Amino acid sequence: MIDVNQLRRGVSFTQDGNLYKVTEYSHSKPGRGKATIRVSVRDLRSGSNFQLTFTSGDRVEDIRLDKQTFQYLYDDGTFYVFMNTGTYEQKQVNHHVMEDDKEFLLDNMELELLMYEGEVLDYNLPKTMDFEIVEAENAVAGDTATGATKEVITSTGLKVKTPLFVNIGDTIRVNTDSREYITRV
């Protein structure tokens, strides 16, 4: 059991039989009375997002998710299929688990999957990834006072705002947290 004051972004816990992961945390202390802790959470099984409110002193059951590195194989339409490169065991991951980040899946990439009692509930993406540009607007650098950008589409379908000098066929590095362009590789 952990105190709700210890909940931070990325912490997983269970309450009333449901598994949650904290996506946002806020703490407010009125002039009198106990502090209020509001957390935005994602239900790890259903994928739904909502807010929970606790008062200071409440406790929740924290859970430990097992981390294992798997290699992405393919998408069969219902599940993403991953393979443990050591044991060749395959895991099927429901689409709703990776719904927000499906554009980051590259063939044969290594990904850390987080499991609870053998069930894949979450994942950790690398901080940065490299993508090839397959579609880009033609842009001409003109008289711009600030850095002009254009939208490009990568080989996985990810849309990224980049500087005007990025063209089709270039490889760019993207921050996976913010989905922002970092540099041309």
N, C-alpha and C. Protein backbone atom coordinates (compact mmCIF):
# COMPACT_ATOMS: atom_id res chain seq x y z
N MET A 1 0.84 -1.19 0.00
CA MET A 1 0.00 0.00 0.00
C MET A 1 0.88 1.25 0.00
N ILE A 2 0.51 2.21 -0.82
CA ILE A 2 1.23 3.47 -0.85
C ILE A 2 0.25 4.61 -0.59
N ASP A 3 0.78 5.69 -0.06
CA ASP A 3 -0.01 6.88 0.19
C ASP A 3 -0.27 7.57 -1.15
N VAL A 4 -1.45 8.18 -1.33
CA VAL A 4 -1.77 8.82 -2.61
C VAL A 4 -0.86 10.01 -2.90
N ASN A 5 -0.18 10.55 -1.88
CA ASN A 5 0.78 11.63 -2.10
C ASN A 5 2.00 11.14 -2.89
N GLN A 6 2.22 9.83 -2.95
CA GLN A 6 3.34 9.26 -3.70
C GLN A 6 2.99 8.96 -5.15
N LEU A 7 1.74 9.16 -5.54
CA LEU A 7 1.35 8.92 -6.93
C LEU A 7 1.97 10.00 -7.80
N ARG A 8 2.64 9.60 -8.83
CA ARG A 8 3.25 10.50 -9.80
C ARG A 8 3.01 9.93 -11.20
N ARG A 9 3.32 10.70 -12.22
CA ARG A 9 3.13 10.25 -13.60
C ARG A 9 3.92 8.96 -13.82
N GLY A 10 3.24 7.93 -14.35
CA GLY A 10 3.88 6.66 -14.66
C GLY A 10 3.71 5.60 -13.59
N VAL A 11 3.21 5.98 -12.39
CA VAL A 11 3.02 5.01 -11.32
C VAL A 11 1.77 4.18 -11.60
N SER A 12 1.86 2.86 -11.39
CA SER A 12 0.72 1.96 -11.59
C SER A 12 0.20 1.51 -10.23
N PHE A 13 -1.13 1.42 -10.13
CA PHE A 13 -1.74 0.98 -8.88
C PHE A 13 -3.06 0.30 -9.17
N THR A 14 -3.59 -0.39 -8.15
CA THR A 14 -4.87 -1.06 -8.30
C THR A 14 -5.84 -0.52 -7.26
N GLN A 15 -7.10 -0.39 -7.66
CA GLN A 15 -8.14 0.04 -6.76
C GLN A 15 -9.45 -0.60 -7.22
N ASP A 16 -10.17 -1.21 -6.30
CA ASP A 16 -11.44 -1.88 -6.59
C ASP A 16 -11.30 -2.90 -7.72
N GLY A 17 -10.17 -3.59 -7.78
CA GLY A 17 -9.96 -4.63 -8.77
C GLY A 17 -9.54 -4.13 -10.14
N ASN A 18 -9.41 -2.83 -10.33
CA ASN A 18 -8.99 -2.27 -11.61
C ASN A 18 -7.54 -1.83 -11.54
N LEU A 19 -6.84 -1.96 -12.66
CA LEU A 19 -5.43 -1.55 -12.74
C LEU A 19 -5.34 -0.20 -13.44
N TYR A 20 -4.64 0.76 -12.82
CA TYR A 20 -4.55 2.10 -13.36
C TYR A 20 -3.10 2.54 -13.48
N LYS A 21 -2.86 3.44 -14.44
CA LYS A 21 -1.55 4.09 -14.58
C LYS A 21 -1.80 5.59 -14.56
N VAL A 22 -1.06 6.31 -13.73
CA VAL A 22 -1.21 7.75 -13.59
C VAL A 22 -0.62 8.45 -14.81
N THR A 23 -1.42 9.32 -15.46
CA THR A 23 -0.93 10.10 -16.59
C THR A 23 -0.70 11.55 -16.20
N GLU A 24 -1.45 12.07 -15.23
CA GLU A 24 -1.25 13.43 -14.71
C GLU A 24 -1.56 13.43 -13.23
N TYR A 25 -0.88 14.34 -12.51
CA TYR A 25 -1.02 14.42 -11.06
C TYR A 25 -1.12 15.88 -10.65
N SER A 26 -2.09 16.20 -9.77
CA SER A 26 -2.13 17.56 -9.22
C SER A 26 -2.50 17.48 -7.75
N HIS A 27 -1.90 18.36 -6.98
CA HIS A 27 -2.08 18.39 -5.53
C HIS A 27 -2.53 19.79 -5.16
N SER A 28 -3.65 19.91 -4.45
CA SER A 28 -4.09 21.25 -4.03
C SER A 28 -4.40 21.23 -2.54
N LYS A 29 -3.97 22.25 -1.87
CA LYS A 29 -4.15 22.36 -0.43
C LYS A 29 -4.97 23.61 -0.15
N PRO A 30 -6.24 23.43 0.23
CA PRO A 30 -7.03 24.61 0.59
C PRO A 30 -6.52 25.18 1.92
N GLY A 31 -7.01 26.34 2.29
CA GLY A 31 -6.58 26.98 3.52
C GLY A 31 -6.84 26.12 4.75
N ARG A 32 -7.95 25.46 4.78
CA ARG A 32 -8.29 24.59 5.92
C ARG A 32 -8.65 23.22 5.38
N GLY A 33 -8.45 22.24 6.19
CA GLY A 33 -8.82 20.88 5.82
C GLY A 33 -7.68 20.13 5.16
N LYS A 34 -8.02 18.95 4.69
CA LYS A 34 -7.01 18.09 4.08
C LYS A 34 -6.76 18.47 2.63
N ALA A 35 -5.60 18.10 2.15
CA ALA A 35 -5.24 18.35 0.75
C ALA A 35 -6.03 17.42 -0.16
N THR A 36 -6.23 17.87 -1.38
CA THR A 36 -6.93 17.07 -2.39
C THR A 36 -5.94 16.68 -3.47
N ILE A 37 -5.93 15.41 -3.81
CA ILE A 37 -5.05 14.90 -4.86
C ILE A 37 -5.92 14.45 -6.02
N ARG A 38 -5.71 15.07 -7.18
CA ARG A 38 -6.45 14.66 -8.39
C ARG A 38 -5.46 14.02 -9.34
N VAL A 39 -5.82 12.85 -9.83
CA VAL A 39 -4.97 12.16 -10.78
C VAL A 39 -5.78 11.79 -12.01
N SER A 40 -5.19 12.02 -13.18
CA SER A 40 -5.76 11.50 -14.42
C SER A 40 -5.12 10.13 -14.60
N VAL A 41 -5.95 9.13 -14.84
CA VAL A 41 -5.45 7.77 -14.95
C VAL A 41 -5.95 7.12 -16.23
N ARG A 42 -5.23 6.09 -16.65
CA ARG A 42 -5.65 5.25 -17.77
C ARG A 42 -5.86 3.86 -17.22
N ASP A 43 -7.04 3.30 -17.47
CA ASP A 43 -7.33 1.93 -17.07
C ASP A 43 -6.49 1.03 -17.99
N LEU A 44 -5.59 0.25 -17.40
CA LEU A 44 -4.65 -0.54 -18.20
C LEU A 44 -5.32 -1.69 -18.95
N ARG A 45 -6.48 -2.12 -18.52
CA ARG A 45 -7.16 -3.22 -19.23
C ARG A 45 -8.08 -2.71 -20.32
N SER A 46 -8.85 -1.67 -20.06
CA SER A 46 -9.81 -1.19 -21.06
C SER A 46 -9.26 -0.05 -21.91
N GLY A 47 -8.25 0.66 -21.41
CA GLY A 47 -7.67 1.77 -22.15
C GLY A 47 -8.39 3.08 -21.95
N SER A 48 -9.46 3.11 -21.14
CA SER A 48 -10.20 4.35 -20.93
C SER A 48 -9.46 5.30 -20.00
N ASN A 49 -9.66 6.59 -20.22
CA ASN A 49 -9.01 7.63 -19.42
C ASN A 49 -10.06 8.37 -18.60
N PHE A 50 -9.75 8.67 -17.35
CA PHE A 50 -10.64 9.45 -16.50
C PHE A 50 -9.87 9.98 -15.30
N GLN A 51 -10.55 10.76 -14.44
CA GLN A 51 -9.90 11.35 -13.28
C GLN A 51 -10.41 10.70 -12.00
N LEU A 52 -9.51 10.59 -11.03
CA LEU A 52 -9.85 10.13 -9.69
C LEU A 52 -9.43 11.21 -8.71
N THR A 53 -10.19 11.37 -7.64
CA THR A 53 -9.88 12.36 -6.62
C THR A 53 -9.73 11.65 -5.28
N PHE A 54 -8.65 11.98 -4.58
CA PHE A 54 -8.37 11.41 -3.27
C PHE A 54 -8.15 12.54 -2.28
N THR A 55 -8.32 12.24 -1.00
CA THR A 55 -7.93 13.19 0.03
C THR A 55 -6.62 12.71 0.63
N SER A 56 -5.86 13.65 1.15
CA SER A 56 -4.57 13.32 1.74
C SER A 56 -4.75 12.28 2.84
N GLY A 57 -3.91 11.27 2.82
CA GLY A 57 -4.00 10.19 3.79
C GLY A 57 -4.61 8.92 3.22
N ASP A 58 -5.31 9.01 2.09
CA ASP A 58 -5.84 7.80 1.46
C ASP A 58 -4.68 6.94 0.98
N ARG A 59 -4.95 5.65 0.85
CA ARG A 59 -3.92 4.72 0.40
C ARG A 59 -4.48 3.86 -0.73
N VAL A 60 -3.58 3.48 -1.65
CA VAL A 60 -3.93 2.59 -2.75
C VAL A 60 -2.90 1.48 -2.81
N GLU A 61 -3.24 0.39 -3.46
CA GLU A 61 -2.35 -0.77 -3.59
C GLU A 61 -1.48 -0.57 -4.84
N ASP A 62 -0.17 -0.42 -4.65
CA ASP A 62 0.70 -0.27 -5.81
C ASP A 62 1.00 -1.65 -6.39
N ILE A 63 1.28 -1.68 -7.68
CA ILE A 63 1.59 -2.94 -8.35
C ILE A 63 2.93 -2.79 -9.04
N ARG A 64 3.59 -3.88 -9.20
CA ARG A 64 4.86 -3.92 -9.92
C ARG A 64 4.61 -4.63 -11.25
N LEU A 65 4.96 -3.94 -12.31
CA LEU A 65 4.82 -4.52 -13.64
C LEU A 65 6.16 -5.12 -14.04
N ASP A 66 6.12 -6.37 -14.53
CA ASP A 66 7.33 -7.04 -14.99
C ASP A 66 7.72 -6.49 -16.36
N LYS A 67 9.01 -6.17 -16.55
CA LYS A 67 9.50 -5.64 -17.81
C LYS A 67 10.26 -6.73 -18.55
N GLN A 68 9.92 -6.90 -19.82
CA GLN A 68 10.65 -7.82 -20.68
C GLN A 68 10.77 -7.19 -22.06
N THR A 69 11.91 -7.42 -22.71
CA THR A 69 12.14 -6.87 -24.04
C THR A 69 11.64 -7.87 -25.08
N PHE A 70 10.81 -7.37 -25.98
CA PHE A 70 10.25 -8.17 -27.06
C PHE A 70 10.53 -7.49 -28.39
N GLN A 71 10.49 -8.29 -29.46
CA GLN A 71 10.68 -7.78 -30.81
C GLN A 71 9.32 -7.73 -31.50
N TYR A 72 9.00 -6.59 -32.13
CA TYR A 72 7.74 -6.45 -32.84
C TYR A 72 7.80 -7.25 -34.14
N LEU A 73 6.79 -8.11 -34.36
CA LEU A 73 6.76 -8.92 -35.58
C LEU A 73 5.78 -8.37 -36.61
N TYR A 74 4.49 -8.32 -36.25
CA TYR A 74 3.49 -7.88 -37.23
C TYR A 74 2.17 -7.54 -36.54
N ASP A 75 1.25 -6.96 -37.34
CA ASP A 75 -0.10 -6.63 -36.89
C ASP A 75 -1.04 -7.57 -37.64
N ASP A 76 -1.80 -8.39 -36.88
CA ASP A 76 -2.70 -9.34 -37.55
C ASP A 76 -4.13 -8.80 -37.69
N GLY A 77 -4.33 -7.50 -37.43
CA GLY A 77 -5.65 -6.90 -37.57
C GLY A 77 -6.36 -6.74 -36.23
N THR A 78 -6.14 -7.66 -35.31
CA THR A 78 -6.75 -7.59 -33.99
C THR A 78 -5.69 -7.36 -32.91
N PHE A 79 -4.52 -7.97 -33.10
CA PHE A 79 -3.45 -7.89 -32.12
C PHE A 79 -2.14 -7.49 -32.80
N TYR A 80 -1.26 -6.85 -32.01
CA TYR A 80 0.13 -6.68 -32.41
C TYR A 80 0.87 -7.88 -31.84
N VAL A 81 1.69 -8.53 -32.65
CA VAL A 81 2.37 -9.74 -32.22
C VAL A 81 3.84 -9.42 -31.97
N PHE A 82 4.31 -9.81 -30.77
CA PHE A 82 5.68 -9.59 -30.34
C PHE A 82 6.31 -10.93 -30.00
N MET A 83 7.66 -11.01 -30.10
CA MET A 83 8.36 -12.24 -29.77
C MET A 83 9.51 -11.94 -28.82
N ASN A 84 9.62 -12.78 -27.79
CA ASN A 84 10.76 -12.72 -26.88
C ASN A 84 11.94 -13.33 -27.62
N THR A 85 13.00 -12.58 -27.85
CA THR A 85 14.12 -13.07 -28.66
C THR A 85 14.94 -14.14 -27.95
N GLY A 86 14.80 -14.28 -26.65
CA GLY A 86 15.53 -15.32 -25.92
C GLY A 86 14.81 -16.64 -25.91
N THR A 87 13.49 -16.60 -25.65
CA THR A 87 12.72 -17.85 -25.53
C THR A 87 11.85 -18.14 -26.75
N TYR A 88 11.76 -17.19 -27.68
CA TYR A 88 10.90 -17.28 -28.88
C TYR A 88 9.43 -17.39 -28.53
N GLU A 89 9.07 -17.03 -27.31
CA GLU A 89 7.67 -16.99 -26.89
C GLU A 89 7.02 -15.78 -27.55
N GLN A 90 5.81 -15.96 -28.07
CA GLN A 90 5.11 -14.85 -28.71
C GLN A 90 4.00 -14.34 -27.80
N LYS A 91 3.83 -13.02 -27.79
CA LYS A 91 2.77 -12.37 -27.01
C LYS A 91 1.91 -11.56 -27.96
N GLN A 92 0.61 -11.63 -27.76
CA GLN A 92 -0.32 -10.82 -28.53
C GLN A 92 -0.76 -9.65 -27.67
N VAL A 93 -0.64 -8.45 -28.23
CA VAL A 93 -0.99 -7.24 -27.50
C VAL A 93 -2.20 -6.62 -28.19
N ASN A 94 -3.26 -6.41 -27.40
CA ASN A 94 -4.49 -5.84 -27.92
C ASN A 94 -4.24 -4.46 -28.52
N HIS A 95 -4.97 -4.12 -29.58
CA HIS A 95 -4.79 -2.83 -30.25
C HIS A 95 -4.99 -1.66 -29.31
N HIS A 96 -5.96 -1.74 -28.38
CA HIS A 96 -6.23 -0.59 -27.51
C HIS A 96 -5.06 -0.27 -26.58
N VAL A 97 -4.16 -1.25 -26.32
CA VAL A 97 -3.01 -1.00 -25.46
C VAL A 97 -2.05 -0.01 -26.12
N MET A 98 -1.84 -0.15 -27.42
CA MET A 98 -0.87 0.69 -28.14
C MET A 98 -1.54 1.68 -29.08
N GLU A 99 -2.81 1.92 -28.88
CA GLU A 99 -3.59 2.75 -29.79
C GLU A 99 -2.97 4.12 -30.04
N ASP A 100 -2.49 4.79 -29.00
CA ASP A 100 -1.96 6.14 -29.14
C ASP A 100 -0.62 6.18 -29.87
N ASP A 101 0.15 5.11 -29.80
CA ASP A 101 1.52 5.12 -30.32
C ASP A 101 1.75 4.11 -31.44
N LYS A 102 0.72 3.71 -32.15
CA LYS A 102 0.90 2.69 -33.19
C LYS A 102 1.79 3.18 -34.33
N GLU A 103 1.89 4.51 -34.53
CA GLU A 103 2.75 5.04 -35.58
C GLU A 103 4.23 4.89 -35.26
N PHE A 104 4.55 4.50 -34.04
CA PHE A 104 5.95 4.32 -33.65
C PHE A 104 6.44 2.88 -33.86
N LEU A 105 5.54 1.97 -34.24
CA LEU A 105 5.94 0.57 -34.41
C LEU A 105 6.65 0.37 -35.75
N LEU A 106 7.91 -0.04 -35.67
CA LEU A 106 8.70 -0.37 -36.85
C LEU A 106 8.94 -1.87 -36.87
N ASP A 107 9.01 -2.47 -38.06
CA ASP A 107 9.26 -3.91 -38.16
C ASP A 107 10.56 -4.28 -37.45
N ASN A 108 10.52 -5.34 -36.68
CA ASN A 108 11.66 -5.92 -35.98
C ASN A 108 12.27 -5.02 -34.90
N MET A 109 11.55 -3.98 -34.46
CA MET A 109 12.08 -3.12 -33.42
C MET A 109 11.96 -3.80 -32.05
N GLU A 110 12.89 -3.48 -31.16
CA GLU A 110 12.86 -4.00 -29.79
C GLU A 110 12.05 -3.03 -28.95
N LEU A 111 11.16 -3.59 -28.12
CA LEU A 111 10.28 -2.78 -27.29
C LEU A 111 10.14 -3.43 -25.93
N GLU A 112 10.14 -2.63 -24.90
CA GLU A 112 9.98 -3.14 -23.54
C GLU A 112 8.48 -3.21 -23.22
N LEU A 113 7.98 -4.44 -22.99
CA LEU A 113 6.58 -4.63 -22.64
C LEU A 113 6.46 -4.79 -21.13
N LEU A 114 5.41 -4.20 -20.56
CA LEU A 114 5.16 -4.27 -19.12
C LEU A 114 3.98 -5.21 -18.89
N MET A 115 4.22 -6.23 -18.06
CA MET A 115 3.21 -7.27 -17.85
C MET A 115 2.85 -7.37 -16.37
N TYR A 116 1.60 -7.74 -16.12
CA TYR A 116 1.12 -8.01 -14.77
C TYR A 116 0.47 -9.39 -14.81
N GLU A 117 1.05 -10.32 -14.08
CA GLU A 117 0.58 -11.71 -14.03
C GLU A 117 0.47 -12.29 -15.44
N GLY A 118 1.46 -12.04 -16.29
CA GLY A 118 1.53 -12.60 -17.63
C GLY A 118 0.74 -11.86 -18.68
N GLU A 119 -0.06 -10.88 -18.29
CA GLU A 119 -0.89 -10.12 -19.22
C GLU A 119 -0.17 -8.83 -19.59
N VAL A 120 0.01 -8.58 -20.89
CA VAL A 120 0.67 -7.36 -21.35
C VAL A 120 -0.30 -6.19 -21.19
N LEU A 121 0.10 -5.21 -20.37
CA LEU A 121 -0.77 -4.07 -20.09
C LEU A 121 -0.23 -2.74 -20.60
N ASP A 122 1.08 -2.64 -20.77
CA ASP A 122 1.68 -1.36 -21.14
C ASP A 122 3.01 -1.61 -21.82
N TYR A 123 3.70 -0.54 -22.20
CA TYR A 123 4.96 -0.64 -22.93
C TYR A 123 5.77 0.62 -22.67
N ASN A 124 7.05 0.54 -22.94
CA ASN A 124 7.95 1.70 -22.87
C ASN A 124 8.59 1.89 -24.22
N LEU A 125 8.33 3.03 -24.84
CA LEU A 125 8.97 3.36 -26.11
C LEU A 125 10.36 3.92 -25.84
N PRO A 126 11.28 3.79 -26.81
CA PRO A 126 12.57 4.49 -26.68
C PRO A 126 12.29 6.00 -26.65
N LYS A 127 13.19 6.77 -26.07
CA LYS A 127 13.00 8.23 -25.99
C LYS A 127 13.01 8.89 -27.37
N THR A 128 13.86 8.38 -28.27
CA THR A 128 13.91 8.92 -29.63
C THR A 128 13.90 7.77 -30.62
N MET A 129 13.36 8.03 -31.81
CA MET A 129 13.34 7.03 -32.88
C MET A 129 13.60 7.73 -34.20
N ASP A 130 14.15 6.97 -35.17
CA ASP A 130 14.45 7.49 -36.49
C ASP A 130 13.42 6.97 -37.49
N PHE A 131 12.94 7.87 -38.36
CA PHE A 131 11.93 7.52 -39.36
C PHE A 131 12.31 8.09 -40.72
N GLU A 132 11.94 7.36 -41.77
CA GLU A 132 12.16 7.84 -43.13
C GLU A 132 10.93 8.63 -43.58
N ILE A 133 11.15 9.73 -44.27
CA ILE A 133 10.07 10.58 -44.76
C ILE A 133 9.58 10.03 -46.10
N VAL A 134 8.26 9.80 -46.21
CA VAL A 134 7.70 9.30 -47.46
C VAL A 134 6.81 10.34 -48.14
N GLU A 135 6.41 11.36 -47.40
CA GLU A 135 5.55 12.39 -47.98
C GLU A 135 5.87 13.72 -47.32
N ALA A 136 6.08 14.74 -48.14
CA ALA A 136 6.40 16.07 -47.62
C ALA A 136 5.90 17.13 -48.59
N GLU A 137 5.45 18.24 -48.03
CA GLU A 137 5.01 19.36 -48.85
C GLU A 137 6.25 20.00 -49.49
N ASN A 138 6.06 20.56 -50.68
CA ASN A 138 7.14 21.36 -51.27
C ASN A 138 7.10 22.71 -50.61
N ALA A 139 8.20 23.10 -50.04
CA ALA A 139 8.24 24.40 -49.35
C ALA A 139 9.44 25.18 -49.83
N VAL A 140 9.25 26.46 -50.03
CA VAL A 140 10.33 27.33 -50.45
C VAL A 140 10.62 28.28 -49.30
N ALA A 141 11.86 28.34 -48.91
CA ALA A 141 12.23 29.25 -47.83
C ALA A 141 12.17 30.67 -48.36
N GLY A 142 11.39 31.49 -47.69
CA GLY A 142 11.26 32.88 -48.12
C GLY A 142 11.70 33.80 -47.01
N ASP A 143 11.11 34.95 -47.00
CA ASP A 143 11.43 35.93 -45.96
C ASP A 143 10.62 35.59 -44.71
N THR A 144 11.20 34.82 -43.84
CA THR A 144 10.50 34.45 -42.60
C THR A 144 11.28 34.99 -41.43
N ALA A 145 10.56 35.56 -40.50
CA ALA A 145 11.20 36.13 -39.32
C ALA A 145 11.50 35.05 -38.29
N THR A 146 10.69 34.00 -38.31
CA THR A 146 10.90 32.90 -37.35
C THR A 146 11.07 31.61 -38.11
N GLY A 147 11.39 30.54 -37.42
CA GLY A 147 11.59 29.25 -38.05
C GLY A 147 10.31 28.70 -38.64
N ALA A 148 10.24 28.62 -39.96
CA ALA A 148 9.06 28.10 -40.63
C ALA A 148 9.09 26.58 -40.60
N THR A 149 7.92 25.96 -40.53
CA THR A 149 7.84 24.50 -40.50
C THR A 149 6.84 24.01 -41.54
N LYS A 150 6.93 22.72 -41.81
CA LYS A 150 5.97 22.05 -42.68
C LYS A 150 5.67 20.68 -42.09
N GLU A 151 4.55 20.10 -42.50
CA GLU A 151 4.18 18.79 -41.98
C GLU A 151 4.65 17.71 -42.95
N VAL A 152 5.30 16.68 -42.40
CA VAL A 152 5.75 15.54 -43.20
C VAL A 152 5.12 14.27 -42.64
N ILE A 153 5.10 13.23 -43.47
CA ILE A 153 4.56 11.94 -43.04
C ILE A 153 5.66 10.90 -43.18
N THR A 154 5.84 10.11 -42.11
CA THR A 154 6.89 9.09 -42.10
C THR A 154 6.38 7.78 -42.69
N SER A 155 7.26 6.81 -42.81
CA SER A 155 6.91 5.51 -43.38
C SER A 155 5.88 4.76 -42.54
N THR A 156 5.72 5.12 -41.29
CA THR A 156 4.73 4.45 -40.42
C THR A 156 3.42 5.22 -40.33
N GLY A 157 3.35 6.39 -40.97
CA GLY A 157 2.13 7.20 -40.94
C GLY A 157 2.15 8.31 -39.90
N LEU A 158 3.24 8.45 -39.19
CA LEU A 158 3.38 9.50 -38.18
C LEU A 158 3.52 10.86 -38.86
N LYS A 159 2.74 11.84 -38.41
CA LYS A 159 2.82 13.20 -38.95
C LYS A 159 3.63 14.05 -37.99
N VAL A 160 4.65 14.74 -38.54
CA VAL A 160 5.58 15.53 -37.73
C VAL A 160 5.81 16.88 -38.39
N LYS A 161 5.86 17.94 -37.59
CA LYS A 161 6.23 19.27 -38.08
C LYS A 161 7.75 19.36 -38.11
N THR A 162 8.31 19.71 -39.26
CA THR A 162 9.76 19.77 -39.43
C THR A 162 10.15 21.11 -40.07
N PRO A 163 11.43 21.44 -40.05
CA PRO A 163 11.89 22.63 -40.80
C PRO A 163 11.71 22.43 -42.30
N LEU A 164 11.76 23.52 -43.05
CA LEU A 164 11.49 23.47 -44.48
C LEU A 164 12.50 22.66 -45.28
N PHE A 165 13.73 22.47 -44.78
CA PHE A 165 14.76 21.78 -45.55
C PHE A 165 14.61 20.26 -45.56
N VAL A 166 13.69 19.68 -44.79
CA VAL A 166 13.49 18.23 -44.76
C VAL A 166 12.69 17.82 -45.99
N ASN A 167 13.18 16.78 -46.71
CA ASN A 167 12.55 16.34 -47.96
C ASN A 167 12.22 14.85 -47.92
N ILE A 168 11.51 14.40 -48.94
CA ILE A 168 11.19 12.98 -49.08
C ILE A 168 12.49 12.19 -49.19
N GLY A 169 12.58 11.07 -48.49
CA GLY A 169 13.77 10.23 -48.50
C GLY A 169 14.72 10.52 -47.36
N ASP A 170 14.59 11.68 -46.71
CA ASP A 170 15.42 11.99 -45.55
C ASP A 170 15.00 11.14 -44.35
N THR A 171 15.92 10.96 -43.43
CA THR A 171 15.62 10.28 -42.18
C THR A 171 15.69 11.31 -41.06
N ILE A 172 14.64 11.33 -40.22
CA ILE A 172 14.60 12.29 -39.13
C ILE A 172 14.50 11.56 -37.79
N ARG A 173 14.95 12.24 -36.74
CA ARG A 173 14.85 11.71 -35.38
C ARG A 173 13.70 12.44 -34.70
N VAL A 174 12.82 11.65 -34.02
CA VAL A 174 11.63 12.20 -33.38
C VAL A 174 11.63 11.84 -31.90
N ASN A 175 11.25 12.80 -31.06
CA ASN A 175 11.06 12.56 -29.63
C ASN A 175 9.72 11.84 -29.47
N THR A 176 9.70 10.65 -28.88
CA THR A 176 8.47 9.86 -28.79
C THR A 176 7.49 10.40 -27.75
N ASP A 177 7.97 11.15 -26.76
CA ASP A 177 7.07 11.72 -25.75
C ASP A 177 6.28 12.89 -26.32
N SER A 178 6.98 13.82 -26.97
CA SER A 178 6.33 15.03 -27.46
C SER A 178 5.92 14.94 -28.94
N ARG A 179 6.39 13.90 -29.64
CA ARG A 179 6.13 13.71 -31.07
C ARG A 179 6.69 14.87 -31.89
N GLU A 180 7.80 15.42 -31.43
CA GLU A 180 8.40 16.56 -32.11
C GLU A 180 9.70 16.16 -32.81
N TYR A 181 9.97 16.87 -33.90
CA TYR A 181 11.20 16.71 -34.67
C TYR A 181 12.39 17.12 -33.81
N ILE A 182 13.46 16.34 -33.87
CA ILE A 182 14.68 16.70 -33.14
C ILE A 182 15.76 17.13 -34.14
N THR A 183 16.08 16.22 -35.09
CA THR A 183 17.14 16.53 -36.04
C THR A 183 17.00 15.64 -37.27
N ARG A 184 17.71 16.02 -38.32
CA ARG A 184 17.80 15.17 -39.51
C ARG A 184 19.00 14.27 -39.32
N VAL A 185 18.86 13.00 -39.62
CA VAL A 185 19.94 12.04 -39.39
C VAL A 185 20.70 11.80 -40.68
